[in-house]
């Protein structure tokens, strides 16, 4: 259905998708492990999750 709406799915950029998934997993682990201990590491986890999602969603 995407081809009718003008959406073009690129086949390239699988490396950025993998990097995005890895960043989301690392960010989730940082967030889960360090939330009770240090605020800055939980903030780093949230940033990793956000950047990973952006790479996964919009990476080409």
Protein backbone atom coordinates (compact mmCIF):
# COMPACT_ATOMS: atom_id res chain seq x y z
CA UNK A 1 0.00 0.00 0.00
CA UNK A 2 2.94 2.32 0.58
CA UNK A 3 3.75 2.57 -3.11
CA UNK A 4 0.33 4.06 -3.77
CA UNK A 5 0.80 6.75 -1.12
CA UNK A 6 4.15 7.89 -2.45
CA UNK A 7 6.13 6.17 0.31
CA UNK A 8 9.40 4.71 -0.86
CA UNK A 9 11.00 2.12 1.34
CA UNK A 10 14.73 2.17 0.88
CA UNK A 11 16.59 -1.12 0.90
CA UNK A 12 19.86 0.58 1.87
CA UNK A 13 20.61 1.75 5.34
CA UNK A 14 20.25 -1.53 7.15
CA UNK A 15 23.37 -0.60 9.09
CA UNK A 16 21.65 2.41 10.62
CA UNK A 17 18.64 0.29 11.51
CA UNK A 18 20.86 -2.22 13.29
CA UNK A 19 22.73 0.59 15.04
CA UNK A 20 19.39 2.05 16.11
CA UNK A 21 18.22 -1.24 17.57
CA UNK A 22 21.52 -1.71 19.40
CA UNK A 23 21.31 1.83 20.83
CA UNK A 24 17.75 1.23 22.00
CA UNK A 25 18.76 -2.00 23.75
CA UNK A 26 21.81 -0.39 25.39
CA UNK A 27 19.72 2.59 26.47
CA UNK A 28 17.06 0.34 27.93
CA UNK A 29 19.65 -1.63 29.88
CA UNK A 30 21.26 1.58 31.18
CA UNK A 31 17.88 2.91 32.18
CA UNK A 32 16.80 -0.27 33.96
CA UNK A 33 20.06 -0.92 35.77
CA UNK A 34 21.02 2.58 36.87
CA UNK A 35 17.70 4.33 37.59
CA UNK A 36 17.88 3.86 41.35
CA UNK A 37 21.56 4.79 41.56
CA UNK A 38 22.49 7.73 39.34
CA UNK A 39 20.29 10.20 37.56
CA UNK A 40 22.82 11.02 34.83
CA UNK A 41 23.11 7.39 33.68
CA UNK A 42 19.35 7.05 33.45
CA UNK A 43 19.30 10.27 31.40
CA UNK A 44 22.01 8.77 29.18
CA UNK A 45 19.83 5.68 28.76
CA UNK A 46 16.86 7.80 27.70
CA UNK A 47 19.06 9.66 25.21
CA UNK A 48 20.37 6.36 23.79
CA UNK A 49 16.83 5.06 23.40
CA UNK A 50 15.74 8.26 21.66
CA UNK A 51 18.69 8.42 19.27
CA UNK A 52 18.37 4.70 18.55
CA UNK A 53 14.70 5.08 17.73
CA UNK A 54 15.40 8.00 15.41
CA UNK A 55 18.13 6.03 13.62
CA UNK A 56 15.91 2.99 13.36
CA UNK A 57 12.89 4.93 12.12
CA UNK A 58 14.49 7.48 9.79
CA UNK A 59 17.87 5.93 8.95
CA UNK A 60 18.66 5.40 5.31
